Protein backbone atom coordinates (compact mmCIF):
# COMPACT_ATOMS: atom_id res chain seq x y z
CA MET A 1 -0.69 -11.78 -18.63
CA GLY A 2 1.82 -9.07 -19.52
CA ARG A 3 1.30 -7.37 -16.16
CA ARG A 4 1.81 -10.62 -14.28
CA LEU A 5 5.07 -11.33 -16.09
CA VAL A 6 6.44 -7.89 -15.22
CA LEU A 7 5.34 -8.20 -11.58
CA ALA A 8 6.84 -11.70 -11.35
CA ALA A 9 10.14 -10.44 -12.77
CA ILE A 10 10.21 -7.59 -10.24
CA TRP A 11 9.45 -9.96 -7.37
CA ILE A 12 12.13 -12.50 -8.32
CA GLU A 13 14.81 -9.88 -8.94
CA PHE A 14 14.11 -7.89 -5.79
CA LEU A 15 13.89 -11.01 -3.62
CA GLY A 16 17.24 -12.17 -4.97
CA TYR A 17 18.73 -8.72 -4.41
CA VAL A 18 17.54 -8.66 -0.80
CA LEU A 19 18.94 -12.12 -0.10
CA TRP A 20 22.24 -11.16 -1.69
CA LEU A 21 22.63 -7.98 0.38
CA ALA A 22 21.34 -9.69 3.55
CA PRO A 23 20.42 -6.53 5.52
CA LEU A 24 19.77 -8.43 8.77
CA ASP A 25 23.44 -9.41 8.89
CA ARG A 26 24.55 -5.78 8.97
CA PRO A 27 25.22 -3.93 12.27
CA TYR A 28 23.50 -0.74 11.08
CA THR A 29 20.15 -2.53 10.79
CA TRP A 30 20.16 -3.37 14.50
CA THR A 31 21.41 0.12 15.40
CA PHE A 32 18.44 1.58 13.54
CA ALA A 33 16.02 -0.86 15.18
CA ARG A 34 17.36 -0.07 18.65
CA SER A 35 17.02 3.70 18.09
CA LEU A 36 13.50 3.20 16.76
CA ILE A 37 12.32 0.98 19.63
CA THR A 38 13.87 3.17 22.34
CA LEU A 39 12.29 6.27 20.73
CA HIS A 40 15.70 7.87 20.10
CA TRP A 41 14.39 9.15 16.79
CA GLY A 42 16.69 12.15 16.86
CA GLU A 43 19.55 9.76 16.11
CA ILE A 44 17.90 8.73 12.82
CA ASN A 45 18.04 10.85 9.69
CA ALA A 46 14.56 12.28 9.13
CA TYR A 47 14.49 11.08 5.51
CA LEU A 48 15.04 7.49 6.60
CA LEU A 49 12.52 7.80 9.42
CA ALA A 50 9.94 9.23 7.03
CA ILE A 51 10.47 6.44 4.50
CA PHE A 52 10.19 3.85 7.29
CA TRP A 53 6.80 5.17 8.39
CA LEU A 54 5.63 5.72 4.81
CA MET A 55 6.25 2.03 4.33
CA GLY A 56 3.29 1.67 6.69
CA VAL A 57 1.18 4.07 4.60
CA TRP A 58 1.74 2.13 1.37
CA PRO A 59 0.36 -1.19 2.70
CA MET A 60 -2.71 0.69 3.94
CA ILE A 61 -3.26 2.08 0.44
CA TYR A 62 -3.14 -1.42 -0.97
CA ALA A 63 -5.36 -2.68 1.88
CA CYS A 64 -8.08 -0.21 0.89
CA LEU A 65 -8.20 -1.99 -2.49
CA MET A 66 -7.28 -5.54 -1.48
CA PHE A 67 -9.85 -6.29 1.20
CA ALA A 68 -12.92 -5.52 -0.91
CA ASP A 69 -11.37 -7.64 -3.63
CA GLY A 70 -10.25 -10.38 -1.26
CA GLN A 71 -13.79 -11.44 -0.37
CA MET A 72 -14.20 -12.72 -3.93
CA GLN A 73 -10.80 -14.38 -4.13
CA PRO A 74 -10.06 -18.04 -3.25
CA PHE A 75 -7.63 -16.89 -0.55
CA PRO A 76 -7.82 -14.13 2.10
CA ALA A 77 -5.96 -10.83 1.72
CA TRP A 78 -5.07 -10.31 5.37
CA PRO A 79 -1.94 -12.57 5.58
CA PHE A 80 -0.37 -10.70 2.67
CA PHE A 81 -1.33 -7.33 4.13
CA ILE A 82 0.15 -8.12 7.55
CA ALA A 83 3.35 -9.51 6.04
CA SER A 84 3.72 -6.54 3.70
CA ASN A 85 3.97 -4.23 6.71
CA PHE A 86 7.23 -5.99 7.57
CA THR A 87 8.59 -7.01 4.18
CA GLY A 88 7.02 -4.58 1.71
CA VAL A 89 6.65 -5.79 -1.87
CA ILE A 90 8.22 -9.18 -1.14
CA CYS A 91 5.03 -10.42 0.56
CA LEU A 92 2.62 -8.10 -1.27
CA LEU A 93 3.50 -9.24 -4.78
CA PRO A 94 2.47 -12.90 -4.30
CA TYR A 95 -1.11 -11.76 -3.64
CA LEU A 96 -1.05 -9.51 -6.70
CA LEU A 97 0.29 -12.36 -8.81
CA MET A 98 -2.26 -14.93 -7.64
CA ARG A 99 -5.42 -12.81 -7.51
CA GLN A 100 -8.03 -13.07 -10.21
CA ARG A 101 -9.47 -9.98 -11.80
CA ASN A 102 -12.83 -8.98 -10.35
CA GLN A 103 -14.96 -5.87 -10.86
CA ASN A 104 -17.85 -6.86 -8.59
CA PHE A 105 -18.52 -6.79 -4.88
CA ASP A 106 -21.13 -9.29 -3.80
CA GLY A 107 -20.47 -9.45 -0.08
CA LYS A 108 -21.32 -7.58 3.07
CA LYS A 109 -19.02 -4.95 4.54
CA ASP A 110 -17.75 -5.75 8.03
CA GLU A 111 -16.36 -3.07 10.36
CA TRP A 112 -12.81 -3.40 9.03
CA LEU A 113 -13.87 -3.13 5.40
CA SER A 114 -16.26 -0.29 6.20
CA TRP A 115 -13.38 1.61 7.81
CA LEU A 116 -11.09 0.99 4.83
CA ASP A 117 -13.88 2.17 2.53
CA LYS A 118 -14.36 5.53 4.25
CA ARG A 119 -13.10 8.67 2.57
CA SER A 120 -11.93 9.86 5.98
CA THR A 121 -9.47 6.94 6.05
CA GLY A 122 -7.97 8.18 2.80
CA VAL A 123 -7.83 11.72 4.16
CA GLY A 124 -6.04 10.50 7.30
CA LEU A 125 -3.46 8.61 5.22
CA LEU A 126 -2.96 11.66 2.99
CA ILE A 127 -2.37 13.92 5.99
CA ALA A 128 0.08 11.41 7.46
CA ALA A 129 2.02 11.23 4.18
CA ILE A 130 2.21 15.01 3.85
CA ALA A 131 3.34 15.36 7.47
CA LEU A 132 6.06 12.71 7.08
CA ILE A 133 7.40 14.18 3.86
CA GLY A 134 7.29 17.69 5.32
CA TYR A 135 9.16 16.48 8.40
CA ALA A 136 11.84 14.90 6.22
CA VAL A 137 12.30 17.97 4.01
CA ILE A 138 12.43 20.41 6.91
CA THR A 139 14.61 18.50 9.37
CA GLY A 140 16.35 15.82 7.31
CA ASP A 141 19.87 15.80 5.90
CA TRP A 142 19.63 14.75 2.26
CA ALA A 143 23.41 14.47 1.72
CA ASP A 144 23.73 12.17 4.74
CA PHE A 145 20.77 10.08 3.59
CA TRP A 146 22.22 9.74 0.10
CA ALA A 147 25.52 8.61 1.58
CA GLN A 148 23.72 6.04 3.77
CA PHE A 149 21.82 4.81 0.72
CA HIS A 150 25.13 3.85 -0.88
CA THR A 151 26.80 2.44 2.22
CA HIS A 152 24.11 0.72 4.35
CA ALA A 153 22.17 -2.26 2.96
CA PHE A 154 19.10 -1.57 5.13
CA VAL A 155 18.77 2.05 3.96
CA HIS A 156 19.39 0.97 0.38
CA LEU A 157 16.74 -1.76 0.42
CA ILE A 158 14.01 0.09 2.31
CA THR A 159 14.36 3.00 -0.13
CA LEU A 160 14.12 0.67 -3.12
CA ASP A 161 11.16 -1.08 -1.48
CA PHE A 162 9.42 2.27 -1.02
CA CYS A 163 9.99 3.16 -4.68
CA LEU A 164 8.80 -0.26 -5.87
CA MET A 165 5.52 0.19 -3.99
CA GLY A 166 4.81 3.06 -6.37
CA VAL A 167 6.26 1.36 -9.46
CA ILE A 168 4.06 -1.74 -9.17
CA PHE A 169 0.85 0.21 -8.43
CA PRO A 170 -0.09 0.91 -12.08
CA LEU A 171 1.06 -2.60 -13.05
CA THR A 172 -1.49 -4.30 -10.81
CA SER A 173 -5.16 -4.60 -11.71
CA LEU A 174 -6.31 -3.53 -8.25
CA LEU A 175 -7.00 0.10 -9.13
CA ASP A 176 -8.86 -0.43 -12.41
CA ASP A 177 -10.90 -3.24 -10.84
CA ASP A 178 -11.79 -0.99 -7.89
CA MET A 179 -12.78 1.86 -10.20
CA GLN A 180 -14.94 -0.51 -12.26
CA ARG A 181 -16.50 -1.84 -9.07
CA ARG A 182 -17.55 1.68 -8.08
CA GLY A 183 -18.63 2.76 -11.57
CA VAL A 184 -16.03 5.52 -11.95
CA TYR A 185 -13.54 3.97 -14.36
CA ARG A 186 -12.19 6.27 -17.04
CA SER A 187 -8.92 5.51 -18.78
CA LYS A 188 -7.59 9.05 -18.37
CA TRP A 189 -8.54 9.05 -14.67
CA PHE A 190 -6.85 5.72 -14.14
CA TRP A 191 -3.53 6.91 -15.53
CA ALA A 192 -3.75 10.26 -13.75
CA ILE A 193 -4.12 8.38 -10.47
CA ALA A 194 -1.78 5.46 -11.09
CA LEU A 195 1.17 7.41 -12.47
CA VAL A 196 1.41 9.96 -9.65
CA PRO A 197 3.50 8.17 -7.01
CA LEU A 198 1.91 7.92 -3.56
CA PHE A 199 -0.33 10.98 -3.85
CA GLY A 200 -2.33 9.74 -6.85
CA PRO A 201 -3.59 6.66 -4.96
CA LEU A 202 -4.11 8.69 -1.78
CA LEU A 203 -6.21 11.31 -3.55
CA TYR A 204 -8.24 8.50 -5.15
CA LEU A 205 -9.02 7.07 -1.70
CA CYS A 206 -10.18 10.53 -0.60
CA TRP A 207 -12.47 10.88 -3.64
CA ARG A 208 -13.85 7.44 -4.57
CA PRO A 209 -17.56 6.72 -3.99
CA THR A 210 -18.61 4.38 -1.22
CA LEU A 211 -18.75 0.70 -2.06
CA LEU A 212 -22.30 -0.61 -1.70
CA SER A 213 -22.82 -3.97 -0.06
CA VAL A 214 -25.61 -6.42 -0.81
CA GLU A 215 -27.41 -5.32 2.35
CA THR A 216 -27.24 -1.64 1.37
CA ASP A 217 -28.43 -2.34 -2.16
CA LEU A 218 -31.45 -4.28 -0.86
CA LYS A 219 -32.40 -1.57 1.61
CA GLN A 220 -32.26 1.03 -1.15
CA ALA A 221 -34.34 -1.16 -3.47
CA LEU A 222 -36.89 -1.93 -0.75
CA PRO A 223 -37.27 1.10 1.58
CA GLY A 224 -38.15 0.05 5.09
CA ALA A 225 -37.17 -3.55 4.45
CA THR A 226 -35.05 -5.41 6.95
CA LEU A 227 -32.79 -8.35 6.42
CA SER A 228 -33.23 -11.42 8.53
CA SER A 229 -30.03 -12.77 10.05
């Protein structure tokens, strides 16, 4: 209950802050969007560009935990995942607030869930994050980005959104439920993963054991057995 109250407070406060600043009413937002769509990325500070694309990495991290969990929830995870790619924590937090804790997986992995469950998916996300951060550090202008953070609502909010993605991660029950589901939960491991922003969750996705489906469990229990459709 304590976690839910904190997450609810974050969601209400950030939603109100976004509505108050109204980034879509600011000319810079559309200038950024035009430069992004027309591939004039050289006109965008590398720090901002990196954060923008990392805001696509964060929803994928959550997706790798949400979709296995979502099969046992009374509502699907995919609408929240899709919306979070555009709005960040504003549309992600409602799922985290409504979901029920679950440490079991009783379903069958489809292609999408199988892909999310692969360690190679975690490795790909880790490489992308390292490349984006390296690009920002090498080519970006930190002083200019810091000035934009204080003067442009869009830059201000997307940066806060990026930071909140990391802040809420240890407050959710997604990680500990996923670790329990895979039989690897240890309190010290949980905190080592959850409290390292971005890279803790990414390294977990690269390391975690494969999630076994009902079909896999049955095949292992009965070698040579086949499941009728």
